[in-house]
Amino acid sequence: MTLTDGTVVTYPAGAVSSRGTVVHVADAGEGRWAVVLDETAFHPVDTAWPDQPADRGMLRVGDAELSVIDAVVGATQGDGLLLGPDVPVRTGTDGWTFVVAHIVESGAGVAVGDTVDVTVDAAYRAALSAGHTACHLASLAFDAALAGAWRKEVQTDALGAPAFDALAIQESRILPDGSRDVYRIGKSLRRKGFDPAALDDLDALAARVDAQLAEWIAAGGAVRIERDGEALADRRAWVCELPGAEARIPCGGTHVASLHELVAATVSFEAAPMDGGLELVMTTTAERV
């Protein structure tokens, strides 16, 4: 592995195709191979917070086309390459090099130094991008709807509201044109000052969130990704222009370029008791133009 700065990624700028050079080919187990390029438009699934799935697409090497069955973050401190769940540190940890590993069924014919054309399934990417933007908007609207439920001061979100989403989130999954977020409301959250009675009427809560989402989407604000650099490990942030405010959330995923690309976004809630509290699931659905 000679790539010292990690893979250059172009998906934050919306790219769905790229050309790169093979810098490493590794056995990924079960007859699969990991192909690492110096540059790619392919979005991988992150190990530490695997909210957005990997892109779908193809690698073309000469006359051969290889279907990418997965794309994961890989990391190395030397010669060996660790993949996906085997990576023991968060992306960006000092002393490690982070790469995008394209997982293919066979690495036959792929060698270090080969030129590879990358093609991403643009329709699938667009659906995930809409889902991810809607997820961020829904989290902010949810925080705003619950702002009166806190009896103590806590950390705030990108718009200054008490950050219920950040404090209670257990799992987030980006879906095509939507997302699914799981929250835990237990003793820890109550000690921080949250009143669970705010969740007694989930239909009314969803209506308040939907109303805020409708207002923001109608405004059609610009969306952009700001980044410290072009490498996979460089920090990136989702930035969205909203009426009277600019929201900024650290994020490594892909997004729409403008809220004009969305017609609407709505949420629904499901709650179930769990040990010491409540599990709440928020499902967000986005409708694109």
Protein backbone atom coordinates (compact mmCIF):
# COMPACT_ATOMS: atom_id res chain seq x y z
CA MET A 1 0.00 0.00 0.00
CA THR A 2 1.72 3.18 -1.20
CA LEU A 3 -1.24 5.57 -0.88
CA THR A 4 -0.05 7.71 2.05
CA ASP A 5 -2.86 10.28 2.18
CA GLY A 6 -5.78 7.91 1.60
CA THR A 7 -8.28 7.71 -1.22
CA VAL A 8 -9.33 10.95 -2.89
CA VAL A 9 -13.15 10.93 -2.93
CA THR A 10 -15.24 12.93 -5.39
CA TYR A 11 -18.75 11.92 -4.27
CA PRO A 12 -19.03 14.88 -1.83
CA ALA A 13 -19.19 17.12 -4.92
CA GLY A 14 -21.89 14.90 -6.45
CA ALA A 15 -19.69 12.91 -8.85
CA VAL A 16 -21.11 9.59 -10.08
CA SER A 17 -18.14 8.62 -12.27
CA SER A 18 -14.40 8.82 -11.91
CA ARG A 19 -11.12 7.40 -13.14
CA GLY A 20 -8.48 6.08 -10.79
CA THR A 21 -5.36 3.95 -10.54
CA VAL A 22 -5.24 0.66 -8.62
CA VAL A 23 -2.92 1.02 -5.63
CA HIS A 24 -3.80 -2.19 -3.80
CA VAL A 25 -5.69 -5.45 -4.32
CA ALA A 26 -6.45 -7.58 -1.26
CA ASP A 27 -8.26 -10.80 -0.45
CA ALA A 28 -11.54 -9.82 1.21
CA GLY A 29 -12.52 -13.39 2.11
CA GLU A 30 -15.23 -15.71 0.81
CA GLY A 31 -13.77 -15.51 -2.71
CA ARG A 32 -14.12 -11.72 -2.84
CA TRP A 33 -11.46 -9.10 -3.46
CA ALA A 34 -10.96 -5.52 -2.33
CA VAL A 35 -9.79 -3.10 -5.01
CA VAL A 36 -8.35 0.18 -3.73
CA LEU A 37 -7.95 3.15 -6.08
CA ASP A 38 -6.17 6.44 -5.59
CA GLU A 39 -9.41 8.27 -6.48
CA THR A 40 -13.07 7.24 -6.63
CA ALA A 41 -16.63 8.55 -6.86
CA PHE A 42 -17.87 5.51 -4.92
CA HIS A 43 -19.37 6.20 -1.48
CA PRO A 44 -18.47 3.45 1.03
CA VAL A 45 -20.35 2.45 4.15
CA ASP A 46 -18.62 3.84 7.24
CA THR A 47 -17.57 1.45 9.98
CA ALA A 48 -18.13 3.60 13.07
CA TRP A 49 -21.51 5.06 12.01
CA PRO A 50 -22.88 2.96 9.13
CA ASP A 51 -25.91 5.10 8.40
CA GLN A 52 -25.69 5.45 4.60
CA PRO A 53 -25.30 2.26 2.54
CA ALA A 54 -22.58 1.92 -0.05
CA ASP A 55 -23.20 3.06 -3.59
CA ARG A 56 -23.95 0.54 -6.32
CA GLY A 57 -22.05 0.45 -9.57
CA MET A 58 -19.28 -0.95 -11.73
CA LEU A 59 -15.53 -0.90 -12.22
CA ARG A 60 -14.22 -1.11 -15.78
CA VAL A 61 -10.67 -2.40 -16.15
CA GLY A 62 -9.71 -2.59 -19.81
CA ASP A 63 -12.48 -4.59 -21.50
CA ALA A 64 -13.66 -6.17 -18.25
CA GLU A 65 -16.57 -4.90 -16.14
CA LEU A 66 -16.67 -5.81 -12.46
CA SER A 67 -19.83 -5.35 -10.42
CA VAL A 68 -19.13 -3.74 -7.05
CA ILE A 69 -21.06 -5.79 -4.50
CA ASP A 70 -20.04 -3.60 -1.57
CA ALA A 71 -17.78 -0.68 -0.73
CA VAL A 72 -16.30 -0.26 2.73
CA VAL A 73 -13.79 1.89 4.54
CA GLY A 74 -10.39 0.26 4.75
CA ALA A 75 -7.46 1.31 6.92
CA THR A 76 -3.78 0.53 7.27
CA GLN A 77 -0.84 1.45 9.46
CA GLY A 78 1.61 -0.33 7.23
CA ASP A 79 1.46 -3.17 4.75
CA GLY A 80 -1.73 -4.92 5.93
CA LEU A 81 -5.18 -3.65 4.96
CA LEU A 82 -8.08 -3.95 7.41
CA LEU A 83 -11.61 -3.81 6.02
CA GLY A 84 -14.96 -2.67 7.36
CA PRO A 85 -15.73 -4.04 10.85
CA ASP A 86 -12.11 -5.10 11.29
CA VAL A 87 -10.96 -1.46 11.31
CA PRO A 88 -10.36 -0.79 15.05
CA VAL A 89 -10.39 3.03 14.92
CA ARG A 90 -12.63 5.83 13.70
CA THR A 91 -12.04 7.26 10.24
CA GLY A 92 -9.52 10.08 10.52
CA THR A 93 -7.55 8.68 13.47
CA ASP A 94 -3.96 9.91 13.38
CA GLY A 95 -1.35 7.41 12.28
CA TRP A 96 -3.73 5.51 9.98
CA THR A 97 -4.36 5.72 6.24
CA PHE A 98 -8.01 5.40 5.20
CA VAL A 99 -9.17 4.17 1.80
CA VAL A 100 -12.28 3.16 -0.10
CA ALA A 101 -12.24 -0.59 -0.72
CA HIS A 102 -14.42 -1.66 -3.67
CA ILE A 103 -15.49 -5.26 -3.02
CA VAL A 104 -15.81 -7.44 -6.15
CA GLU A 105 -16.48 -11.12 -6.66
CA SER A 106 -13.18 -11.73 -8.41
CA GLY A 107 -9.96 -9.78 -8.57
CA ALA A 108 -8.69 -11.76 -11.54
CA GLY A 109 -7.04 -9.48 -14.05
CA VAL A 110 -6.86 -6.49 -11.71
CA ALA A 111 -3.34 -5.40 -10.85
CA VAL A 112 -1.61 -2.50 -9.12
CA GLY A 113 -1.10 0.27 -11.65
CA ASP A 114 -4.19 -0.51 -13.74
CA THR A 115 -6.43 2.38 -14.77
CA VAL A 116 -10.05 1.88 -13.64
CA ASP A 117 -13.20 3.71 -14.70
CA VAL A 118 -15.77 3.92 -11.92
CA THR A 119 -19.49 4.21 -12.69
CA VAL A 120 -22.00 4.74 -9.88
CA ASP A 121 -25.71 3.90 -10.13
CA ALA A 122 -26.91 7.51 -10.32
CA ALA A 123 -30.57 6.73 -9.63
CA TYR A 124 -29.77 4.82 -6.43
CA ARG A 125 -27.36 7.56 -5.32
CA ALA A 126 -30.05 10.21 -5.89
CA ALA A 127 -32.54 8.28 -3.75
CA LEU A 128 -30.04 7.89 -0.91
CA SER A 129 -29.05 11.55 -1.16
CA ALA A 130 -32.67 12.63 -0.83
CA GLY A 131 -33.11 10.28 2.12
CA HIS A 132 -30.01 11.63 3.86
CA THR A 133 -30.95 15.28 3.45
CA ALA A 134 -34.48 14.54 4.67
CA CYS A 135 -33.00 12.70 7.66
CA HIS A 136 -31.01 15.75 8.74
CA LEU A 137 -33.98 18.05 8.25
CA ALA A 138 -36.24 15.71 10.23
CA SER A 139 -33.78 15.53 13.12
CA LEU A 140 -33.69 19.34 13.35
CA ALA A 141 -37.48 19.61 13.07
CA PHE A 142 -37.86 16.91 15.73
CA ASP A 143 -35.51 18.76 18.09
CA ALA A 144 -37.49 21.96 17.55
CA ALA A 145 -40.81 20.22 18.22
CA LEU A 146 -39.47 18.89 21.55
CA ALA A 147 -37.75 22.11 22.64
CA GLY A 148 -40.29 22.71 25.43
CA ALA A 149 -39.83 19.23 26.91
CA TRP A 150 -36.55 20.01 28.69
CA ARG A 151 -36.25 21.14 32.31
CA LYS A 152 -32.46 21.56 32.21
CA GLU A 153 -29.98 23.08 29.80
CA VAL A 154 -28.36 20.53 27.49
CA GLN A 155 -26.23 20.61 24.36
CA THR A 156 -27.92 22.23 21.39
CA ASP A 157 -28.25 21.27 17.74
CA ALA A 158 -27.23 23.12 14.58
CA LEU A 159 -30.13 25.57 14.98
CA GLY A 160 -29.77 26.12 18.71
CA ALA A 161 -32.57 23.82 19.94
CA PRO A 162 -31.98 21.22 22.69
CA ALA A 163 -30.38 18.30 20.85
CA PHE A 164 -32.81 15.45 21.52
CA ASP A 165 -31.63 13.66 18.37
CA ALA A 166 -27.96 13.67 19.37
CA LEU A 167 -28.66 12.79 23.00
CA ALA A 168 -31.12 9.94 22.39
CA ILE A 169 -30.11 8.43 19.03
CA GLN A 170 -29.15 4.75 19.06
CA GLU A 171 -29.17 3.93 15.37
CA SER A 172 -29.73 5.73 12.09
CA ARG A 173 -30.16 4.15 8.68
CA ILE A 174 -30.47 6.04 5.43
CA LEU A 175 -32.92 4.45 3.01
CA PRO A 176 -33.77 5.27 -0.60
CA ASP A 177 -35.92 8.40 -0.23
CA GLY A 178 -36.04 8.20 3.52
CA SER A 179 -34.49 7.13 6.80
CA ARG A 180 -35.14 5.18 9.99
CA ASP A 181 -33.89 6.55 13.32
CA VAL A 182 -34.09 4.70 16.62
CA TYR A 183 -34.06 6.59 19.93
CA ARG A 184 -33.83 5.41 23.53
CA ILE A 185 -35.70 7.35 26.19
CA GLY A 186 -34.44 6.03 29.51
CA LYS A 187 -33.15 7.10 32.90
CA SER A 188 -30.11 8.83 31.46
CA LEU A 189 -32.20 11.12 29.27
CA ARG A 190 -34.63 11.85 32.08
CA ARG A 191 -31.73 12.80 34.36
CA LYS A 192 -30.64 15.27 31.71
CA GLY A 193 -34.03 16.95 32.10
CA PHE A 194 -36.17 15.44 29.35
CA ASP A 195 -39.88 14.94 30.12
CA PRO A 196 -41.16 11.79 28.35
CA ALA A 197 -44.72 13.15 28.56
CA ALA A 198 -43.82 15.14 25.44
CA LEU A 199 -44.12 11.85 23.54
CA ASP A 200 -47.60 10.96 24.76
CA ASP A 201 -49.32 12.12 21.54
CA LEU A 202 -47.13 10.91 18.69
CA ASP A 203 -49.60 11.88 15.96
CA ALA A 204 -49.63 15.49 17.15
CA LEU A 205 -45.83 15.42 17.41
CA ALA A 206 -45.52 14.14 13.84
CA ALA A 207 -47.86 16.90 12.65
CA ARG A 208 -45.62 19.56 14.22
CA VAL A 209 -42.51 18.05 12.67
CA ASP A 210 -44.22 17.78 9.27
CA ALA A 211 -45.31 21.42 9.41
CA GLN A 212 -41.74 22.55 10.05
CA LEU A 213 -40.42 20.33 7.25
CA ALA A 214 -42.99 21.73 4.83
CA GLU A 215 -41.92 25.30 5.64
CA TRP A 216 -38.23 24.55 5.14
CA ILE A 217 -38.68 22.59 1.92
CA ALA A 218 -40.96 25.26 0.43
CA ALA A 219 -38.15 27.79 0.95
CA GLY A 220 -35.95 25.73 -1.38
CA GLY A 221 -32.64 26.50 0.32
CA ALA A 222 -29.28 25.53 -1.12
CA VAL A 223 -27.47 22.48 0.22
CA ARG A 224 -23.72 21.95 0.03
CA ILE A 225 -20.94 19.80 1.45
CA GLU A 226 -18.03 21.68 2.96
CA ARG A 227 -14.79 19.75 3.44
CA ASP A 228 -11.33 20.29 4.81
CA GLY A 229 -9.76 18.36 1.94
CA GLU A 230 -10.37 15.76 -0.76
CA ALA A 231 -9.25 12.62 1.10
CA LEU A 232 -11.71 10.12 2.55
CA ALA A 233 -10.58 10.92 6.11
CA ASP A 234 -10.90 14.70 5.77
CA ARG A 235 -13.72 16.26 7.75
CA ARG A 236 -16.91 17.14 5.92
CA ALA A 237 -20.11 18.92 6.89
CA TRP A 238 -23.63 19.15 5.49
CA VAL A 239 -24.68 22.79 5.20
CA CYS A 240 -28.26 23.80 4.44
CA GLU A 241 -29.72 27.28 3.98
CA LEU A 242 -32.95 27.55 5.95
CA PRO A 243 -35.20 30.58 6.51
CA GLY A 244 -33.26 32.88 8.80
CA ALA A 245 -30.56 30.35 9.60
CA GLU A 246 -27.84 28.10 8.24
CA ALA A 247 -27.68 24.54 9.54
CA ARG A 248 -24.31 22.80 9.67
CA ILE A 249 -23.96 19.13 10.68
CA PRO A 250 -20.81 16.96 10.45
CA CYS A 251 -21.57 14.32 7.82
CA GLY A 252 -19.71 12.01 5.45
CA GLY A 253 -22.70 11.10 3.29
CA THR A 254 -24.22 12.35 0.04
CA HIS A 255 -27.04 14.88 -0.34
CA VAL A 256 -29.24 16.80 -2.75
CA ALA A 257 -27.87 20.14 -3.97
CA SER A 258 -31.01 22.10 -3.12
CA LEU A 259 -34.25 21.64 -1.22
CA HIS A 260 -35.93 22.48 -4.54
CA GLU A 261 -35.19 18.82 -5.39
CA LEU A 262 -37.69 17.75 -2.74
CA VAL A 263 -41.47 18.08 -2.93
CA ALA A 264 -42.08 17.07 0.68
CA ALA A 265 -40.79 15.15 3.67
CA THR A 266 -42.94 13.60 6.37
CA VAL A 267 -42.35 11.54 9.50
CA SER A 268 -44.14 8.83 11.44
CA PHE A 269 -43.44 7.46 14.90
CA GLU A 270 -43.65 4.07 16.58
CA ALA A 271 -43.00 3.53 20.27
CA ALA A 272 -42.43 0.38 22.30
CA PRO A 273 -41.54 -0.14 25.97
CA MET A 274 -38.06 -1.36 26.78
CA ASP A 275 -36.13 -1.98 29.98
CA GLY A 276 -36.14 1.23 31.96
CA GLY A 277 -37.79 3.34 29.32
CA LEU A 278 -39.07 3.63 25.79
CA GLU A 279 -37.76 2.90 22.31
CA LEU A 280 -38.97 5.39 19.73
CA VAL A 281 -38.59 4.91 15.98
CA MET A 282 -38.92 7.85 13.59
CA THR A 283 -39.38 6.95 9.94
CA THR A 284 -38.83 9.78 7.47
CA THR A 285 -40.15 9.70 3.91
CA ALA A 286 -38.97 12.08 1.23
CA GLU A 287 -40.72 12.84 -2.05
CA ARG A 288 -38.54 14.10 -4.89
CA VAL A 289 -39.43 16.33 -7.80
